[in-house]
């Protein structure tokens, strides 16, 4: 006799109704709306500065619109002629503070971040936690102690008083450490040591090329931060010839209460000061694209 196995019940498939409404996710729409509102919130002040810089004094104080005015060329000419050419001098000072400070800070952050990521030495975690504490500490709380320290060293009122405090960036060191831990393989370093390469040769020939995208990020953040820094140079410097753009434009605004025409110069100066940051972003973004492409090829 042969045993008859019971038939397994087959699952019934319910036909989907063609008239049932399709459910579309609402989350992307909400996220897009939030991003659009955030972009409008950030770009409206910039748009007003750009349009206000094209207006003459009469147009600036009599109308409040986002339409361009007719005084752009006159405002630019008056700005560069103010004080015998103080605005170009302020711009040059800003380039010195931001360019030199960001370059040296990026190099220091890269070396420190690489050492924290790839070297094992006593107190490494303690130093890392101290750097994290420095990230959480507001920079404004250090302005007065830094001024007192620079005064004791006889550097207050000099270029060094603005450059030295920005060389050490806790956030830059933190970013460099995170990037070095993921972008620099430990096996490559060990192979270079076996081949007889010195630590300096390893850092300059192997580590630096691998960390270029991370270094570009640190440099850009430092450049923007130093370029827009106001409190530190305002406290450290006393001569107008050494002012950066932020402090120089503030002096124009402070004098504008007695001379309203200076408001137009301050606005056009603020609009022009944005241009280097835009150019910096457009020039350096190709390094991020290169990093994304190389990451895709490796995957």
C-alpha atoms as a PDB file:
ATOM      1  CA  UNK A   1       0.000   0.000   0.000  1.00  0.00           C
ATOM      2  CA  UNK A   2       1.198   3.471  -0.730  1.00  0.00           C
ATOM      3  CA  UNK A   3       0.632   6.319   1.711  1.00  0.00           C
ATOM      4  CA  UNK A   4      -1.199   9.280   0.330  1.00  0.00           C
ATOM      5  CA  UNK A   5       0.248  12.536   1.521  1.00  0.00           C
ATOM      6  CA  UNK A   6      -2.222  15.299   2.279  1.00  0.00           C
ATOM      7  CA  UNK A   7      -2.164  18.169  -0.111  1.00  0.00           C
ATOM      8  CA  UNK A   8      -0.698  21.384   1.220  1.00  0.00           C
ATOM      9  CA  UNK A   9      -3.041  24.297   1.125  1.00  0.00           C
ATOM     10  CA  UNK A  10      -2.009  26.814  -1.430  1.00  0.00           C
ATOM     11  CA  UNK A  11      -1.963  30.465  -0.448  1.00  0.00           C
ATOM     12  CA  UNK A  12      -4.540  32.486  -2.199  1.00  0.00           C
ATOM     13  CA  UNK A  13      -3.299  35.540  -3.953  1.00  0.00           C
ATOM     14  CA  UNK A  14      -5.700  38.396  -3.771  1.00  0.00           C
ATOM     15  CA  UNK A  15      -5.944  40.288  -6.989  1.00  0.00           C
ATOM     16  CA  UNK A  16      -4.961  43.890  -6.622  1.00  0.00           C
ATOM     17  CA  UNK A  17      -7.590  46.304  -7.590  1.00  0.00           C
ATOM     18  CA  UNK A  18      -6.615  48.550 -10.456  1.00  0.00           C
ATOM     19  CA  UNK A  19      -8.604  51.348  -8.915  1.00  0.00           C
ATOM     20  CA  UNK A  20      -6.680  51.322  -5.610  1.00  0.00           C
ATOM     21  CA  UNK A  21      -4.789  54.597  -5.139  1.00  0.00           C
ATOM     22  CA  UNK A  22      -1.015  54.369  -5.162  1.00  0.00           C
ATOM     23  CA  UNK A  23       0.676  55.413  -1.937  1.00  0.00           C
ATOM     24  CA  UNK A  24       3.464  57.824  -2.516  1.00  0.00           C
ATOM     25  CA  UNK A  25       6.007  58.537   0.199  1.00  0.00           C
ATOM     26  CA  UNK A  26       5.581  61.962   1.704  1.00  0.00           C
ATOM     27  CA  UNK A  27       8.895  62.029   3.505  1.00  0.00           C
ATOM     28  CA  UNK A  28      10.955  63.211   0.482  1.00  0.00           C
ATOM     29  CA  UNK A  29       8.485  66.040  -0.090  1.00  0.00           C
ATOM     30  CA  UNK A  30       8.759  67.187   3.517  1.00  0.00           C
ATOM     31  CA  UNK A  31      12.552  66.978   3.410  1.00  0.00           C
ATOM     32  CA  UNK A  32      12.655  68.937   0.150  1.00  0.00           C
ATOM     33  CA  UNK A  33      10.364  71.604   1.595  1.00  0.00           C
ATOM     34  CA  UNK A  34      12.575  71.968   4.683  1.00  0.00           C
ATOM     35  CA  UNK A  35      15.700  72.247   2.516  1.00  0.00           C
ATOM     36  CA  UNK A  36      14.056  74.857   0.291  1.00  0.00           C
ATOM     37  CA  UNK A  37      13.001  76.922   3.303  1.00  0.00           C
ATOM     38  CA  UNK A  38      16.509  76.683   4.741  1.00  0.00           C
ATOM     39  CA  UNK A  39      18.046  77.754   1.430  1.00  0.00           C
ATOM     40  CA  UNK A  40      15.684  80.734   1.193  1.00  0.00           C
ATOM     41  CA  UNK A  41      16.459  81.699   4.788  1.00  0.00           C
ATOM     42  CA  UNK A  42      20.203  81.683   4.058  1.00  0.00           C
ATOM     43  CA  UNK A  43      20.137  83.229   0.583  1.00  0.00           C
ATOM     44  CA  UNK A  44      17.711  86.112   1.109  1.00  0.00           C
ATOM     45  CA  UNK A  45      20.228  88.204   3.134  1.00  0.00           C
ATOM     46  CA  UNK A  46      22.898  87.533   0.496  1.00  0.00           C
ATOM     47  CA  UNK A  47      20.478  88.556  -2.253  1.00  0.00           C
ATOM     48  CA  UNK A  48      19.659  91.762  -0.406  1.00  0.00           C
ATOM     49  CA  UNK A  49      23.355  92.617   0.018  1.00  0.00           C
ATOM     50  CA  UNK A  50      23.985  92.041  -3.692  1.00  0.00           C
ATOM     51  CA  UNK A  51      21.036  94.176  -4.800  1.00  0.00           C
ATOM     52  CA  UNK A  52      21.666  96.871  -2.185  1.00  0.00           C
ATOM     53  CA  UNK A  53      25.260  97.199  -3.376  1.00  0.00           C
ATOM     54  CA  UNK A  54      23.979  98.369  -6.767  1.00  0.00           C
ATOM     55  CA  UNK A  55      21.928 101.223  -5.308  1.00  0.00           C
ATOM     56  CA  UNK A  56      22.949 104.817  -4.796  1.00  0.00           C
ATOM     57  CA  UNK A  57      22.497 106.571  -1.466  1.00  0.00           C
ATOM     58  CA  UNK A  58      19.137 108.008  -2.455  1.00  0.00           C
ATOM     59  CA  UNK A  59      17.868 104.654  -3.700  1.00  0.00           C
ATOM     60  CA  UNK A  60      19.169 102.817  -0.653  1.00  0.00           C
ATOM     61  CA  UNK A  61      17.382 104.965   1.917  1.00  0.00           C
ATOM     62  CA  UNK A  62      14.135 105.600   0.013  1.00  0.00           C
ATOM     63  CA  UNK A  63      13.264 102.145  -1.365  1.00  0.00           C
ATOM     64  CA  UNK A  64      13.385  98.603  -0.035  1.00  0.00           C
ATOM     65  CA  UNK A  65      13.194  96.243  -2.981  1.00  0.00           C
ATOM     66  CA  UNK A  66      15.228  93.432  -4.416  1.00  0.00           C
ATOM     67  CA  UNK A  67      15.486  95.172  -7.768  1.00  0.00           C
ATOM     68  CA  UNK A  68      18.983  96.347  -8.782  1.00  0.00           C
ATOM     69  CA  UNK A  69      19.838 100.030  -8.660  1.00  0.00           C
ATOM     70  CA  UNK A  70      21.913 102.337 -10.815  1.00  0.00           C
ATOM     71  CA  UNK A  71      24.881 103.147  -8.563  1.00  0.00           C
ATOM     72  CA  UNK A  72      27.016 100.000  -8.754  1.00  0.00           C
ATOM     73  CA  UNK A  73      29.979 101.498 -10.623  1.00  0.00           C
ATOM     74  CA  UNK A  74      29.983 104.656  -8.509  1.00  0.00           C
ATOM     75  CA  UNK A  75      29.894 102.602  -5.305  1.00  0.00           C
ATOM     76  CA  UNK A  76      32.815 100.453  -6.443  1.00  0.00           C
ATOM     77  CA  UNK A  77      34.868 103.500  -7.423  1.00  0.00           C
ATOM     78  CA  UNK A  78      34.125 105.270  -4.128  1.00  0.00           C
ATOM     79  CA  UNK A  79      34.974 102.121  -2.157  1.00  0.00           C
ATOM     80  CA  UNK A  80      38.419 101.659  -3.704  1.00  0.00           C
ATOM     81  CA  UNK A  81      39.134 105.385  -3.392  1.00  0.00           C
ATOM     82  CA  UNK A  82      38.111 105.607   0.271  1.00  0.00           C
ATOM     83  CA  UNK A  83      40.932 106.590   2.609  1.00  0.00           C
ATOM     84  CA  UNK A  84      43.533 106.516  -0.146  1.00  0.00           C
ATOM     85  CA  UNK A  85      42.921 102.829  -0.921  1.00  0.00           C
ATOM     86  CA  UNK A  86      42.206 101.340   2.482  1.00  0.00           C
ATOM     87  CA  UNK A  87      39.808  98.709   1.158  1.00  0.00           C
ATOM     88  CA  UNK A  88      42.433  96.971  -1.052  1.00  0.00           C
ATOM     89  CA  UNK A  89      44.789  97.030   1.933  1.00  0.00           C
ATOM     90  CA  UNK A  90      42.128  95.421   4.145  1.00  0.00           C
ATOM     91  CA  UNK A  91      41.497  92.798   1.474  1.00  0.00           C
ATOM     92  CA  UNK A  92      45.229  92.046   1.247  1.00  0.00           C
ATOM     93  CA  UNK A  93      45.396  91.665   5.028  1.00  0.00           C
ATOM     94  CA  UNK A  94      42.458  89.251   4.922  1.00  0.00           C
ATOM     95  CA  UNK A  95      44.208  87.168   2.280  1.00  0.00           C
ATOM     96  CA  UNK A  96      47.344  87.052   4.437  1.00  0.00           C
ATOM     97  CA  UNK A  97      45.470  86.071   7.589  1.00  0.00           C
ATOM     98  CA  UNK A  98      43.183  83.553   5.879  1.00  0.00           C
ATOM     99  CA  UNK A  99      45.600  82.135   3.304  1.00  0.00           C
ATOM    100  CA  UNK A 100      48.706  81.738   5.454  1.00  0.00           C
ATOM    101  CA  UNK A 101      46.734  80.825   8.566  1.00  0.00           C
ATOM    102  CA  UNK A 102      44.605  78.217   6.788  1.00  0.00           C
ATOM    103  CA  UNK A 103      47.616  76.662   5.009  1.00  0.00           C
ATOM    104  CA  UNK A 104      49.684  76.310   8.183  1.00  0.00           C
ATOM    105  CA  UNK A 105      46.679  75.185  10.205  1.00  0.00           C
ATOM    106  CA  UNK A 106      45.877  72.518   7.606  1.00  0.00           C
ATOM    107  CA  UNK A 107      49.429  71.179   7.703  1.00  0.00           C
ATOM    108  CA  UNK A 108      49.461  71.079  11.505  1.00  0.00           C
ATOM    109  CA  UNK A 109      46.025  69.454  11.624  1.00  0.00           C
ATOM    110  CA  UNK A 110      47.089  66.830   9.078  1.00  0.00           C
ATOM    111  CA  UNK A 111      50.225  65.893  10.995  1.00  0.00           C
ATOM    112  CA  UNK A 112      48.416  65.777  14.334  1.00  0.00           C
ATOM    113  CA  UNK A 113      45.439  63.868  12.942  1.00  0.00           C
ATOM    114  CA  UNK A 114      47.672  61.307  11.234  1.00  0.00           C
ATOM    115  CA  UNK A 115      49.692  60.794  14.404  1.00  0.00           C
ATOM    116  CA  UNK A 116      46.555  60.295  16.499  1.00  0.00           C
ATOM    117  CA  UNK A 117      45.125  57.842  13.969  1.00  0.00           C
ATOM    118  CA  UNK A 118      48.135  55.696  13.091  1.00  0.00           C
ATOM    119  CA  UNK A 119      50.676  55.950  15.926  1.00  0.00           C
ATOM    120  CA  UNK A 120      50.415  54.300  19.307  1.00  0.00           C
ATOM    121  CA  UNK A 121      51.979  56.413  22.031  1.00  0.00           C
ATOM    122  CA  UNK A 122      51.273  56.992  25.733  1.00  0.00           C
ATOM    123  CA  UNK A 123      48.391  59.365  26.391  1.00  0.00           C
ATOM    124  CA  UNK A 124      46.977  59.227  22.862  1.00  0.00           C
ATOM    125  CA  UNK A 125      43.373  58.941  24.039  1.00  0.00           C
ATOM    126  CA  UNK A 126      43.879  61.696  26.586  1.00  0.00           C
ATOM    127  CA  UNK A 127      45.124  64.044  23.863  1.00  0.00           C
ATOM    128  CA  UNK A 128      42.220  63.067  21.642  1.00  0.00           C
ATOM    129  CA  UNK A 129      39.676  63.774  24.363  1.00  0.00           C
ATOM    130  CA  UNK A 130      41.365  67.098  25.053  1.00  0.00           C
ATOM    131  CA  UNK A 131      40.985  67.965  21.364  1.00  0.00           C
ATOM    132  CA  UNK A 132      37.301  67.025  21.526  1.00  0.00           C
ATOM    133  CA  UNK A 133      36.929  69.333  24.503  1.00  0.00           C
ATOM    134  CA  UNK A 134      38.534  72.073  22.436  1.00  0.00           C
ATOM    135  CA  UNK A 135      35.956  71.492  19.699  1.00  0.00           C
ATOM    136  CA  UNK A 136      33.127  72.001  22.187  1.00  0.00           C
ATOM    137  CA  UNK A 137      34.696  75.136  23.677  1.00  0.00           C
ATOM    138  CA  UNK A 138      33.449  78.373  22.040  1.00  0.00           C
ATOM    139  CA  UNK A 139      36.225  80.396  20.472  1.00  0.00           C
ATOM    140  CA  UNK A 140      34.922  83.635  21.961  1.00  0.00           C
ATOM    141  CA  UNK A 141      35.881  82.455  25.443  1.00  0.00           C
ATOM    142  CA  UNK A 142      39.547  82.280  24.390  1.00  0.00           C
ATOM    143  CA  UNK A 143      39.795  85.750  22.842  1.00  0.00           C
ATOM    144  CA  UNK A 144      40.629  87.640  26.047  1.00  0.00           C
ATOM    145  CA  UNK A 145      43.152  85.033  27.352  1.00  0.00           C
ATOM    146  CA  UNK A 146      44.819  85.009  23.948  1.00  0.00           C
ATOM    147  CA  UNK A 147      45.096  88.797  23.979  1.00  0.00           C
ATOM    148  CA  UNK A 148      46.665  88.750  27.455  1.00  0.00           C
ATOM    149  CA  UNK A 149      49.095  86.057  26.342  1.00  0.00           C
ATOM    150  CA  UNK A 150      50.066  87.985  23.208  1.00  0.00           C
ATOM    151  CA  UNK A 151      50.537  91.127  25.283  1.00  0.00           C
ATOM    152  CA  UNK A 152      52.910  89.312  27.606  1.00  0.00           C
ATOM    153  CA  UNK A 153      54.875  88.106  24.563  1.00  0.00           C
ATOM    154  CA  UNK A 154      54.959  91.602  23.049  1.00  0.00           C
ATOM    155  CA  UNK A 155      53.066  90.479  19.918  1.00  0.00           C
ATOM    156  CA  UNK A 156      49.790  92.328  20.445  1.00  0.00           C
ATOM    157  CA  UNK A 157      49.064  94.687  17.562  1.00  0.00           C
ATOM    158  CA  UNK A 158      51.128  92.672  15.041  1.00  0.00           C
ATOM    159  CA  UNK A 159      50.243  90.215  12.301  1.00  0.00           C
ATOM    160  CA  UNK A 160      51.414  87.373  14.531  1.00  0.00           C
ATOM    161  CA  UNK A 161      48.743  88.175  17.098  1.00  0.00           C
ATOM    162  CA  UNK A 162      46.096  87.185  14.543  1.00  0.00           C
ATOM    163  CA  UNK A 163      47.998  84.342  12.852  1.00  0.00           C
ATOM    164  CA  UNK A 164      49.285  82.385  15.844  1.00  0.00           C
ATOM    165  CA  UNK A 165      45.917  81.742  17.589  1.00  0.00           C
ATOM    166  CA  UNK A 166      44.386  80.253  14.414  1.00  0.00           C
ATOM    167  CA  UNK A 167      47.183  77.776  13.694  1.00  0.00           C
ATOM    168  CA  UNK A 168      45.792  75.151  16.080  1.00  0.00           C
ATOM    169  CA  UNK A 169      42.292  74.072  15.086  1.00  0.00           C
ATOM    170  CA  UNK A 170      40.768  71.331  17.299  1.00  0.00           C
ATOM    171  CA  UNK A 171      38.021  70.698  14.757  1.00  0.00           C
ATOM    172  CA  UNK A 172      40.562  70.471  11.932  1.00  0.00           C
ATOM    173  CA  UNK A 173      42.643  67.958  13.903  1.00  0.00           C
ATOM    174  CA  UNK A 174      39.523  65.932  14.602  1.00  0.00           C
ATOM    175  CA  UNK A 175      38.562  65.851  10.911  1.00  0.00           C
ATOM    176  CA  UNK A 176      42.110  64.930   9.897  1.00  0.00           C
ATOM    177  CA  UNK A 177      42.191  62.085  12.403  1.00  0.00           C
ATOM    178  CA  UNK A 178      38.903  60.674  11.159  1.00  0.00           C
ATOM    179  CA  UNK A 179      39.981  60.922   7.530  1.00  0.00           C
ATOM    180  CA  UNK A 180      43.444  59.462   8.146  1.00  0.00           C
ATOM    181  CA  UNK A 181      41.962  56.483   9.988  1.00  0.00           C
ATOM    182  CA  UNK A 182      39.825  55.572   6.955  1.00  0.00           C
ATOM    183  CA  UNK A 183      41.904  56.754   3.980  1.00  0.00           C
ATOM    184  CA  UNK A 184      45.433  55.670   4.943  1.00  0.00           C
ATOM    185  CA  UNK A 185      45.831  51.857   5.074  1.00  0.00           C
ATOM    186  CA  UNK A 186      48.055  50.580   7.851  1.00  0.00           C
ATOM    187  CA  UNK A 187      49.375  47.815   5.578  1.00  0.00           C
ATOM    188  CA  UNK A 188      50.754  50.411   3.177  1.00  0.00           C
ATOM    189  CA  UNK A 189      52.618  52.122   5.998  1.00  0.00           C
ATOM    190  CA  UNK A 190      54.063  48.832   7.223  1.00  0.00           C
ATOM    191  CA  UNK A 191      55.188  47.907   3.703  1.00  0.00           C
ATOM    192  CA  UNK A 192      56.946  51.257   3.349  1.00  0.00           C
ATOM    193  CA  UNK A 193      58.725  50.748   6.681  1.00  0.00           C
ATOM    194  CA  UNK A 194      59.856  47.278   5.601  1.00  0.00           C
ATOM    195  CA  UNK A 195      61.265  48.798   2.415  1.00  0.00           C
ATOM    196  CA  UNK A 196      63.350  51.141   4.571  1.00  0.00           C
ATOM    197  CA  UNK A 197      61.427  54.398   4.131  1.00  0.00           C
ATOM    198  CA  UNK A 198      61.771  56.910   6.945  1.00  0.00           C
ATOM    199  CA  UNK A 199      58.740  58.318   8.750  1.00  0.00           C
ATOM    200  CA  UNK A 200      59.254  61.693   7.075  1.00  0.00           C
ATOM    201  CA  UNK A 201      59.394  60.030   3.646  1.00  0.00           C
ATOM    202  CA  UNK A 202      56.269  58.031   4.433  1.00  0.00           C
ATOM    203  CA  UNK A 203      54.376  61.143   5.479  1.00  0.00           C
ATOM    204  CA  UNK A 204      55.415  63.300   2.532  1.00  0.00           C
ATOM    205  CA  UNK A 205      55.284  60.668  -0.233  1.00  0.00           C
ATOM    206  CA  UNK A 206      52.434  58.392   0.876  1.00  0.00           C
ATOM    207  CA  UNK A 207      50.261  60.009   3.515  1.00  0.00           C
ATOM    208  CA  UNK A 208      49.921  63.525   2.093  1.00  0.00           C
ATOM    209  CA  UNK A 209      48.738  62.402  -1.381  1.00  0.00           C
ATOM    210  CA  UNK A 210      46.150  60.110   0.209  1.00  0.00           C
ATOM    211  CA  UNK A 211      44.829  62.865   2.484  1.00  0.00           C
ATOM    212  CA  UNK A 212      44.471  65.606  -0.137  1.00  0.00           C
ATOM    213  CA  UNK A 213      40.633  65.584  -0.143  1.00  0.00           C
ATOM    214  CA  UNK A 214      40.542  65.753   3.653  1.00  0.00           C
ATOM    215  CA  UNK A 215      43.161  68.497   3.674  1.00  0.00           C
ATOM    216  CA  UNK A 216      41.118  70.495   1.165  1.00  0.00           C
ATOM    217  CA  UNK A 217      38.114  70.265   3.466  1.00  0.00           C
ATOM    218  CA  UNK A 218      40.113  71.438   6.477  1.00  0.00           C
ATOM    219  CA  UNK A 219      41.705  74.239   4.450  1.00  0.00           C
ATOM    220  CA  UNK A 220      38.376  75.503   3.177  1.00  0.00           C
ATOM    221  CA  UNK A 221      36.778  75.470   6.626  1.00  0.00           C
ATOM    222  CA  UNK A 222      39.764  77.260   8.123  1.00  0.00           C
ATOM    223  CA  UNK A 223      39.935  79.792   5.294  1.00  0.00           C
ATOM    224  CA  UNK A 224      36.259  80.676   5.632  1.00  0.00           C
ATOM    225  CA  UNK A 225      36.493  80.833   9.418  1.00  0.00           C
ATOM    226  CA  UNK A 226      39.545  83.121   9.425  1.00  0.00           C
ATOM    227  CA  UNK A 227      38.187  85.249   6.572  1.00  0.00           C
ATOM    228  CA  UNK A 228      34.958  85.888   8.494  1.00  0.00           C
ATOM    229  CA  UNK A 229      36.641  86.215  11.890  1.00  0.00           C
ATOM    230  CA  UNK A 230      35.892  89.533  13.538  1.00  0.00           C
ATOM    231  CA  UNK A 231      36.439  89.336  17.285  1.00  0.00           C
ATOM    232  CA  UNK A 232      40.072  88.182  17.306  1.00  0.00           C
ATOM    233  CA  UNK A 233      41.495  90.895  14.991  1.00  0.00           C
ATOM    234  CA  UNK A 234      39.188  93.467  16.569  1.00  0.00           C
ATOM    235  CA  UNK A 235      40.758  92.766  19.977  1.00  0.00           C
ATOM    236  CA  UNK A 236      44.338  92.249  18.826  1.00  0.00           C
ATOM    237  CA  UNK A 237      44.814  95.096  16.320  1.00  0.00           C
ATOM    238  CA  UNK A 238      44.775  98.837  16.885  1.00  0.00           C
ATOM    239  CA  UNK A 239      46.011 100.253  13.565  1.00  0.00           C
ATOM    240  CA  UNK A 240      43.647 100.504  10.607  1.00  0.00           C
ATOM    241  CA  UNK A 241      46.362  99.589   8.113  1.00  0.00           C
ATOM    242  CA  UNK A 242      46.460  96.073   9.634  1.00  0.00           C
ATOM    243  CA  UNK A 243      42.697  95.509   9.734  1.00  0.00           C
ATOM    244  CA  UNK A 244      41.109  92.647   7.786  1.00  0.00           C
ATOM    245  CA  UNK A 245      37.928  93.223   5.815  1.00  0.00           C
ATOM    246  CA  UNK A 246      35.619  92.344   8.687  1.00  0.00           C
ATOM    247  CA  UNK A 247      37.044  94.942  11.066  1.00  0.00           C
ATOM    248  CA  UNK A 248      37.543  97.492   8.284  1.00  0.00           C
ATOM    249  CA  UNK A 249      33.911  97.278   7.153  1.00  0.00           C
ATOM    250  CA  UNK A 250      32.846  97.561  10.786  1.00  0.00           C
ATOM    251  CA  UNK A 251      34.703 100.846  11.047  1.00  0.00           C
ATOM    252  CA  UNK A 252      32.785 102.083   7.995  1.00  0.00           C
ATOM    253  CA  UNK A 253      29.505 101.162   9.637  1.00  0.00           C
ATOM    254  CA  UNK A 254      30.497 102.838  12.899  1.00  0.00           C
ATOM    255  CA  UNK A 255      31.360 106.022  11.016  1.00  0.00           C
ATOM    256  CA  UNK A 256      28.171 105.812   8.961  1.00  0.00           C
ATOM    257  CA  UNK A 257      26.078 107.371  11.708  1.00  0.00           C
ATOM    258  CA  UNK A 258      27.784 110.694  11.006  1.00  0.00           C
ATOM    259  CA  UNK A 259      28.295 110.123   7.277  1.00  0.00           C
ATOM    260  CA  UNK A 260      25.385 108.108   5.795  1.00  0.00           C
ATOM    261  CA  UNK A 261      27.174 107.698   2.473  1.00  0.00           C
ATOM    262  CA  UNK A 262      29.553 105.242   4.141  1.00  0.00           C
ATOM    263  CA  UNK A 263      26.703 102.745   4.498  1.00  0.00           C
ATOM    264  CA  UNK A 264      26.763 102.219   0.740  1.00  0.00           C
ATOM    265  CA  UNK A 265      30.513 101.622   0.873  1.00  0.00           C
ATOM    266  CA  UNK A 266      30.115  99.090   3.673  1.00  0.00           C
ATOM    267  CA  UNK A 267      27.433  97.212   1.731  1.00  0.00           C
ATOM    268  CA  UNK A 268      29.377  97.074  -1.531  1.00  0.00           C
ATOM    269  CA  UNK A 269      32.457  96.042   0.453  1.00  0.00           C
ATOM    270  CA  UNK A 270      30.501  93.181   2.047  1.00  0.00           C
ATOM    271  CA  UNK A 271      29.300  92.062  -1.381  1.00  0.00           C
ATOM    272  CA  UNK A 272      32.824  92.089  -2.815  1.00  0.00           C
ATOM    273  CA  UNK A 273      34.190  90.209   0.204  1.00  0.00           C
ATOM    274  CA  UNK A 274      31.919  87.262  -0.642  1.00  0.00           C
ATOM    275  CA  UNK A 275      33.498  86.769  -4.076  1.00  0.00           C
ATOM    276  CA  UNK A 276      36.766  85.111  -2.872  1.00  0.00           C
ATOM    277  CA  UNK A 277      34.780  82.571  -0.863  1.00  0.00           C
ATOM    278  CA  UNK A 278      32.668  81.669  -3.896  1.00  0.00           C
ATOM    279  CA  UNK A 279      35.777  81.333  -6.066  1.00  0.00           C
ATOM    280  CA  UNK A 280      37.444  79.193  -3.404  1.00  0.00           C
ATOM    281  CA  UNK A 281      34.465  76.844  -3.298  1.00  0.00           C
ATOM    282  CA  UNK A 282      34.300  76.504  -7.093  1.00  0.00           C
ATOM    283  CA  UNK A 283      38.041  75.876  -7.425  1.00  0.00           C
ATOM    284  CA  UNK A 284      38.389  73.333  -4.618  1.00  0.00           C
ATOM    285  CA  UNK A 285      35.247  71.304  -5.264  1.00  0.00           C
ATOM    286  CA  UNK A 286      37.019  69.305  -7.968  1.00  0.00           C
ATOM    287  CA  UNK A 287      39.070  67.613  -5.250  1.00  0.00           C
ATOM    288  CA  UNK A 288      35.885  66.326  -3.626  1.00  0.00           C
ATOM    289  CA  UNK A 289      34.677  65.049  -6.991  1.00  0.00           C
ATOM    290  CA  UNK A 290      38.023  63.315  -7.510  1.00  0.00           C
ATOM    291  CA  UNK A 291      37.661  61.655  -4.112  1.00  0.00           C
ATOM    292  CA  UNK A 292      34.163  60.411  -4.956  1.00  0.00           C
ATOM    293  CA  UNK A 293      35.314  59.008  -8.306  1.00  0.00           C
ATOM    294  CA  UNK A 294      38.309  57.246  -6.769  1.00  0.00           C
ATOM    295  CA  UNK A 295      36.080  55.794  -4.070  1.00  0.00           C
ATOM    296  CA  UNK A 296      33.690  54.458  -6.708  1.00  0.00           C
ATOM    297  CA  UNK A 297      36.539  52.856  -8.654  1.00  0.00           C
ATOM    298  CA  UNK A 298      37.893  51.213  -5.522  1.00  0.00           C
ATOM    299  CA  UNK A 299      34.477  49.804  -4.710  1.00  0.00           C
END
